[in-house]
Amino acid sequence: MIWRIVSLLSIPVVLWTFWRLAKQVGKPQRVRKLTPVIGMVMSTLMLAVNVVLLHRAAAGLLGAALLAVGGGFGLAWGQSTRFSVRDDVLVAKRSVLYLVFWAGSFAITQLLATFASTLWVTGGLMTMFFSAGATLGTSTNLLARGSLARRAGSEVAS
């Protein structure tokens, strides 16, 4: 029962976070070196917490496959972020569609975990595997491309 309450309480927190991030999307913003790493850690942590809390919905090989497919999707999706260097500062303009997808998959998983049968919970957990993979892939893309953009910007500035 306590986990159902935690699941329900996490939905507004995630939606509030999504709303705050969505307001920033589409505007050029400074990219710090650790920003993609934080996304990677948080998505992995959220997936691990959901797997532990939803132990009745074992993921198995399908979860690993969806994590890998999501990673490939994320690597490709990361290309939608545009980088530039302004006054020796790396800035990026990101797409809002990724945030919509991530918040939706998280909310679906939490709602299913709270109210649905084990079969539906397993389906919801599968969306979390794909979403976590997409975040890992996107963040990896941003780390690599951001590093290249920083080097290119510093060479131009030199």
C-alpha atoms as a PDB file:
ATOM      1  CA  MET A   1       0.000   0.000   0.000  1.00  0.00           C
ATOM      2  CA  ILE A   2       2.803   2.422   0.874  1.00  0.00           C
ATOM      3  CA  TRP A   3       4.384   1.901  -2.574  1.00  0.00           C
ATOM      4  CA  ARG A   4       1.109   2.822  -4.264  1.00  0.00           C
ATOM      5  CA  ILE A   5       1.098   6.085  -2.338  1.00  0.00           C
ATOM      6  CA  VAL A   6       4.730   6.742  -3.285  1.00  0.00           C
ATOM      7  CA  SER A   7       3.894   6.006  -6.942  1.00  0.00           C
ATOM      8  CA  LEU A   8       0.959   8.399  -6.881  1.00  0.00           C
ATOM      9  CA  LEU A   9       2.986  11.134  -5.194  1.00  0.00           C
ATOM     10  CA  SER A  10       5.801  10.788  -7.711  1.00  0.00           C
ATOM     11  CA  ILE A  11       3.526  11.607 -10.662  1.00  0.00           C
ATOM     12  CA  PRO A  12       2.940  15.275  -9.758  1.00  0.00           C
ATOM     13  CA  VAL A  13       6.641  15.705  -8.981  1.00  0.00           C
ATOM     14  CA  VAL A  14       7.605  14.358 -12.397  1.00  0.00           C
ATOM     15  CA  LEU A  15       4.927  16.429 -14.135  1.00  0.00           C
ATOM     16  CA  TRP A  16       6.146  19.564 -12.336  1.00  0.00           C
ATOM     17  CA  THR A  17       9.735  18.748 -13.374  1.00  0.00           C
ATOM     18  CA  PHE A  18       8.558  18.156 -16.935  1.00  0.00           C
ATOM     19  CA  TRP A  19       6.720  21.496 -16.980  1.00  0.00           C
ATOM     20  CA  ARG A  20       9.808  23.341 -15.707  1.00  0.00           C
ATOM     21  CA  LEU A  21      12.036  21.664 -18.305  1.00  0.00           C
ATOM     22  CA  ALA A  22       9.517  22.193 -21.103  1.00  0.00           C
ATOM     23  CA  LYS A  23       9.530  25.944 -20.420  1.00  0.00           C
ATOM     24  CA  GLN A  24      13.284  25.937 -21.061  1.00  0.00           C
ATOM     25  CA  VAL A  25      13.197  23.824 -24.221  1.00  0.00           C
ATOM     26  CA  GLY A  26      13.490  25.600 -27.549  1.00  0.00           C
ATOM     27  CA  LYS A  27      15.611  28.343 -26.010  1.00  0.00           C
ATOM     28  CA  PRO A  28      19.394  28.262 -26.252  1.00  0.00           C
ATOM     29  CA  GLN A  29      20.803  27.296 -22.858  1.00  0.00           C
ATOM     30  CA  ARG A  30      24.247  26.852 -21.390  1.00  0.00           C
ATOM     31  CA  VAL A  31      25.369  23.234 -21.346  1.00  0.00           C
ATOM     32  CA  ARG A  32      27.428  22.191 -18.372  1.00  0.00           C
ATOM     33  CA  LYS A  33      29.725  19.206 -18.700  1.00  0.00           C
ATOM     34  CA  LEU A  34      27.837  17.153 -16.093  1.00  0.00           C
ATOM     35  CA  THR A  35      24.305  17.874 -17.336  1.00  0.00           C
ATOM     36  CA  PRO A  36      24.062  14.746 -19.556  1.00  0.00           C
ATOM     37  CA  VAL A  37      25.655  12.644 -16.802  1.00  0.00           C
ATOM     38  CA  ILE A  38      22.959  13.711 -14.348  1.00  0.00           C
ATOM     39  CA  GLY A  39      20.297  12.600 -16.845  1.00  0.00           C
ATOM     40  CA  MET A  40      22.003   9.253 -17.242  1.00  0.00           C
ATOM     41  CA  VAL A  41      22.248   8.680 -13.498  1.00  0.00           C
ATOM     42  CA  MET A  42      18.676   9.753 -12.784  1.00  0.00           C
ATOM     43  CA  SER A  43      17.098   7.665 -15.557  1.00  0.00           C
ATOM     44  CA  THR A  44      19.073   4.595 -14.472  1.00  0.00           C
ATOM     45  CA  LEU A  45      18.140   5.206 -10.847  1.00  0.00           C
ATOM     46  CA  MET A  46      14.436   5.652 -11.660  1.00  0.00           C
ATOM     47  CA  LEU A  47      14.465   2.452 -13.707  1.00  0.00           C
ATOM     48  CA  ALA A  48      16.218   0.534 -10.907  1.00  0.00           C
ATOM     49  CA  VAL A  49      13.775   1.859  -8.293  1.00  0.00           C
ATOM     50  CA  ASN A  50      10.807   0.860 -10.441  1.00  0.00           C
ATOM     51  CA  VAL A  51      12.233  -2.605 -11.097  1.00  0.00           C
ATOM     52  CA  VAL A  52      12.778  -3.111  -7.346  1.00  0.00           C
ATOM     53  CA  LEU A  53       9.394  -1.698  -6.332  1.00  0.00           C
ATOM     54  CA  LEU A  54       7.533  -3.531  -9.081  1.00  0.00           C
ATOM     55  CA  HIS A  55       9.222  -6.865  -8.428  1.00  0.00           C
ATOM     56  CA  ARG A  56       6.049  -8.663  -9.402  1.00  0.00           C
ATOM     57  CA  ALA A  57       6.592  -7.415 -12.969  1.00  0.00           C
ATOM     58  CA  ALA A  58       9.865  -9.030 -13.960  1.00  0.00           C
ATOM     59  CA  ALA A  59      11.385  -7.557 -17.110  1.00  0.00           C
ATOM     60  CA  GLY A  60      13.819 -10.247 -18.251  1.00  0.00           C
ATOM     61  CA  LEU A  61      15.316 -10.242 -21.726  1.00  0.00           C
ATOM     62  CA  LEU A  62      12.535  -8.093 -23.166  1.00  0.00           C
ATOM     63  CA  GLY A  63      13.503  -5.315 -20.763  1.00  0.00           C
ATOM     64  CA  ALA A  64      17.150  -5.555 -21.807  1.00  0.00           C
ATOM     65  CA  ALA A  65      16.162  -5.537 -25.489  1.00  0.00           C
ATOM     66  CA  LEU A  66      13.951  -2.475 -25.006  1.00  0.00           C
ATOM     67  CA  LEU A  67      16.767  -0.756 -23.115  1.00  0.00           C
ATOM     68  CA  ALA A  68      19.078  -1.383 -26.091  1.00  0.00           C
ATOM     69  CA  VAL A  69      16.473  -0.286 -28.664  1.00  0.00           C
ATOM     70  CA  GLY A  70      15.770   2.825 -26.585  1.00  0.00           C
ATOM     71  CA  GLY A  71      19.510   3.504 -26.485  1.00  0.00           C
ATOM     72  CA  GLY A  72      19.669   3.420 -30.273  1.00  0.00           C
ATOM     73  CA  PHE A  73      16.638   5.691 -30.489  1.00  0.00           C
ATOM     74  CA  GLY A  74      18.267   8.083 -28.012  1.00  0.00           C
ATOM     75  CA  LEU A  75      21.556   8.174 -29.918  1.00  0.00           C
ATOM     76  CA  ALA A  76      19.630   9.180 -33.040  1.00  0.00           C
ATOM     77  CA  TRP A  77      17.360  11.573 -31.130  1.00  0.00           C
ATOM     78  CA  GLY A  78      20.371  13.374 -29.673  1.00  0.00           C
ATOM     79  CA  GLN A  79      21.087  14.655 -33.162  1.00  0.00           C
ATOM     80  CA  SER A  80      18.045  16.952 -32.812  1.00  0.00           C
ATOM     81  CA  THR A  81      19.939  19.057 -30.252  1.00  0.00           C
ATOM     82  CA  ARG A  82      21.808  21.932 -31.868  1.00  0.00           C
ATOM     83  CA  PHE A  83      25.062  23.161 -30.318  1.00  0.00           C
ATOM     84  CA  SER A  84      26.862  26.453 -30.684  1.00  0.00           C
ATOM     85  CA  VAL A  85      29.629  28.240 -28.809  1.00  0.00           C
ATOM     86  CA  ARG A  86      28.886  31.798 -27.680  1.00  0.00           C
ATOM     87  CA  ASP A  87      31.467  33.803 -25.774  1.00  0.00           C
ATOM     88  CA  ASP A  88      33.420  30.604 -25.002  1.00  0.00           C
ATOM     89  CA  VAL A  89      30.262  29.008 -23.531  1.00  0.00           C
ATOM     90  CA  LEU A  90      28.633  25.924 -25.053  1.00  0.00           C
ATOM     91  CA  VAL A  91      24.896  26.419 -25.594  1.00  0.00           C
ATOM     92  CA  ALA A  92      22.313  23.971 -26.906  1.00  0.00           C
ATOM     93  CA  LYS A  93      18.804  24.216 -28.238  1.00  0.00           C
ATOM     94  CA  ARG A  94      16.805  21.096 -27.401  1.00  0.00           C
ATOM     95  CA  SER A  95      13.579  19.565 -28.670  1.00  0.00           C
ATOM     96  CA  VAL A  96      10.494  19.353 -26.441  1.00  0.00           C
ATOM     97  CA  LEU A  97       9.196  16.137 -28.026  1.00  0.00           C
ATOM     98  CA  TYR A  98      11.710  13.989 -26.133  1.00  0.00           C
ATOM     99  CA  LEU A  99      10.530  15.399 -22.804  1.00  0.00           C
ATOM    100  CA  VAL A 100       6.906  14.675 -23.713  1.00  0.00           C
ATOM    101  CA  PHE A 101       7.784  11.075 -24.494  1.00  0.00           C
ATOM    102  CA  TRP A 102       9.796  10.598 -21.299  1.00  0.00           C
ATOM    103  CA  ALA A 103       7.196  12.166 -18.989  1.00  0.00           C
ATOM    104  CA  GLY A 104       4.408  10.196 -20.648  1.00  0.00           C
ATOM    105  CA  SER A 105       6.141   6.848 -20.273  1.00  0.00           C
ATOM    106  CA  PHE A 106       6.967   7.580 -16.645  1.00  0.00           C
ATOM    107  CA  ALA A 107       3.408   8.663 -15.819  1.00  0.00           C
ATOM    108  CA  ILE A 108       1.956   5.576 -17.556  1.00  0.00           C
ATOM    109  CA  THR A 109       4.249   3.283 -15.586  1.00  0.00           C
ATOM    110  CA  GLN A 110       3.320   4.908 -12.279  1.00  0.00           C
ATOM    111  CA  LEU A 111      -0.417   4.845 -12.995  1.00  0.00           C
ATOM    112  CA  LEU A 112      -0.290   1.198 -14.047  1.00  0.00           C
ATOM    113  CA  ALA A 113       1.798   0.286 -10.996  1.00  0.00           C
ATOM    114  CA  THR A 114      -0.771   1.933  -8.773  1.00  0.00           C
ATOM    115  CA  PHE A 115      -4.010   0.686 -10.260  1.00  0.00           C
ATOM    116  CA  ALA A 116      -3.463  -2.187 -12.689  1.00  0.00           C
ATOM    117  CA  SER A 117      -2.884  -5.916 -12.684  1.00  0.00           C
ATOM    118  CA  THR A 118       0.586  -7.448 -12.963  1.00  0.00           C
ATOM    119  CA  LEU A 119       0.320  -7.887 -16.736  1.00  0.00           C
ATOM    120  CA  TRP A 120      -0.400  -4.176 -17.245  1.00  0.00           C
ATOM    121  CA  VAL A 121       2.341  -3.223 -14.789  1.00  0.00           C
ATOM    122  CA  THR A 122       4.811  -5.292 -16.806  1.00  0.00           C
ATOM    123  CA  GLY A 123       3.764  -3.393 -19.928  1.00  0.00           C
ATOM    124  CA  GLY A 124       4.233  -0.093 -18.150  1.00  0.00           C
ATOM    125  CA  LEU A 125       7.628  -1.145 -16.881  1.00  0.00           C
ATOM    126  CA  MET A 126       8.642  -1.970 -20.442  1.00  0.00           C
ATOM    127  CA  THR A 127       8.023   1.665 -21.412  1.00  0.00           C
ATOM    128  CA  MET A 128      10.401   2.665 -18.609  1.00  0.00           C
ATOM    129  CA  PHE A 129      13.115   0.385 -20.024  1.00  0.00           C
ATOM    130  CA  PHE A 130      12.741   1.980 -23.455  1.00  0.00           C
ATOM    131  CA  SER A 131      12.622   5.482 -21.973  1.00  0.00           C
ATOM    132  CA  ALA A 132      15.701   4.893 -19.791  1.00  0.00           C
ATOM    133  CA  GLY A 133      17.554   3.543 -22.833  1.00  0.00           C
ATOM    134  CA  ALA A 134      16.520   6.607 -24.828  1.00  0.00           C
ATOM    135  CA  THR A 135      17.798   8.902 -22.082  1.00  0.00           C
ATOM    136  CA  LEU A 136      21.090   7.009 -21.902  1.00  0.00           C
ATOM    137  CA  GLY A 137      21.476   7.168 -25.685  1.00  0.00           C
ATOM    138  CA  THR A 138      20.584  10.845 -25.916  1.00  0.00           C
ATOM    139  CA  SER A 139      22.877  11.765 -23.046  1.00  0.00           C
ATOM    140  CA  THR A 140      25.739   9.776 -24.576  1.00  0.00           C
ATOM    141  CA  ASN A 141      25.205  11.631 -27.856  1.00  0.00           C
ATOM    142  CA  LEU A 142      25.149  14.984 -26.052  1.00  0.00           C
ATOM    143  CA  LEU A 143      28.311  14.151 -24.088  1.00  0.00           C
ATOM    144  CA  ALA A 144      30.215  13.216 -27.234  1.00  0.00           C
ATOM    145  CA  ARG A 145      28.934  16.047 -29.428  1.00  0.00           C
ATOM    146  CA  GLY A 146      29.217  18.602 -26.618  1.00  0.00           C
ATOM    147  CA  SER A 147      32.838  17.639 -26.062  1.00  0.00           C
ATOM    148  CA  LEU A 148      33.552  18.017 -29.777  1.00  0.00           C
ATOM    149  CA  ALA A 149      31.747  21.377 -29.895  1.00  0.00           C
ATOM    150  CA  ARG A 150      33.715  22.614 -26.866  1.00  0.00           C
ATOM    151  CA  ARG A 151      37.000  21.631 -28.520  1.00  0.00           C
ATOM    152  CA  ALA A 152      36.006  23.173 -31.837  1.00  0.00           C
ATOM    153  CA  GLY A 153      34.877  26.367 -30.062  1.00  0.00           C
ATOM    154  CA  SER A 154      38.090  26.680 -28.072  1.00  0.00           C
ATOM    155  CA  GLU A 155      40.171  26.124 -31.202  1.00  0.00           C
ATOM    156  CA  VAL A 156      38.230  28.859 -32.996  1.00  0.00           C
ATOM    157  CA  ALA A 157      38.616  31.189 -30.018  1.00  0.00           C
ATOM    158  CA  SER A 158      42.395  30.557 -29.794  1.00  0.00           C
END
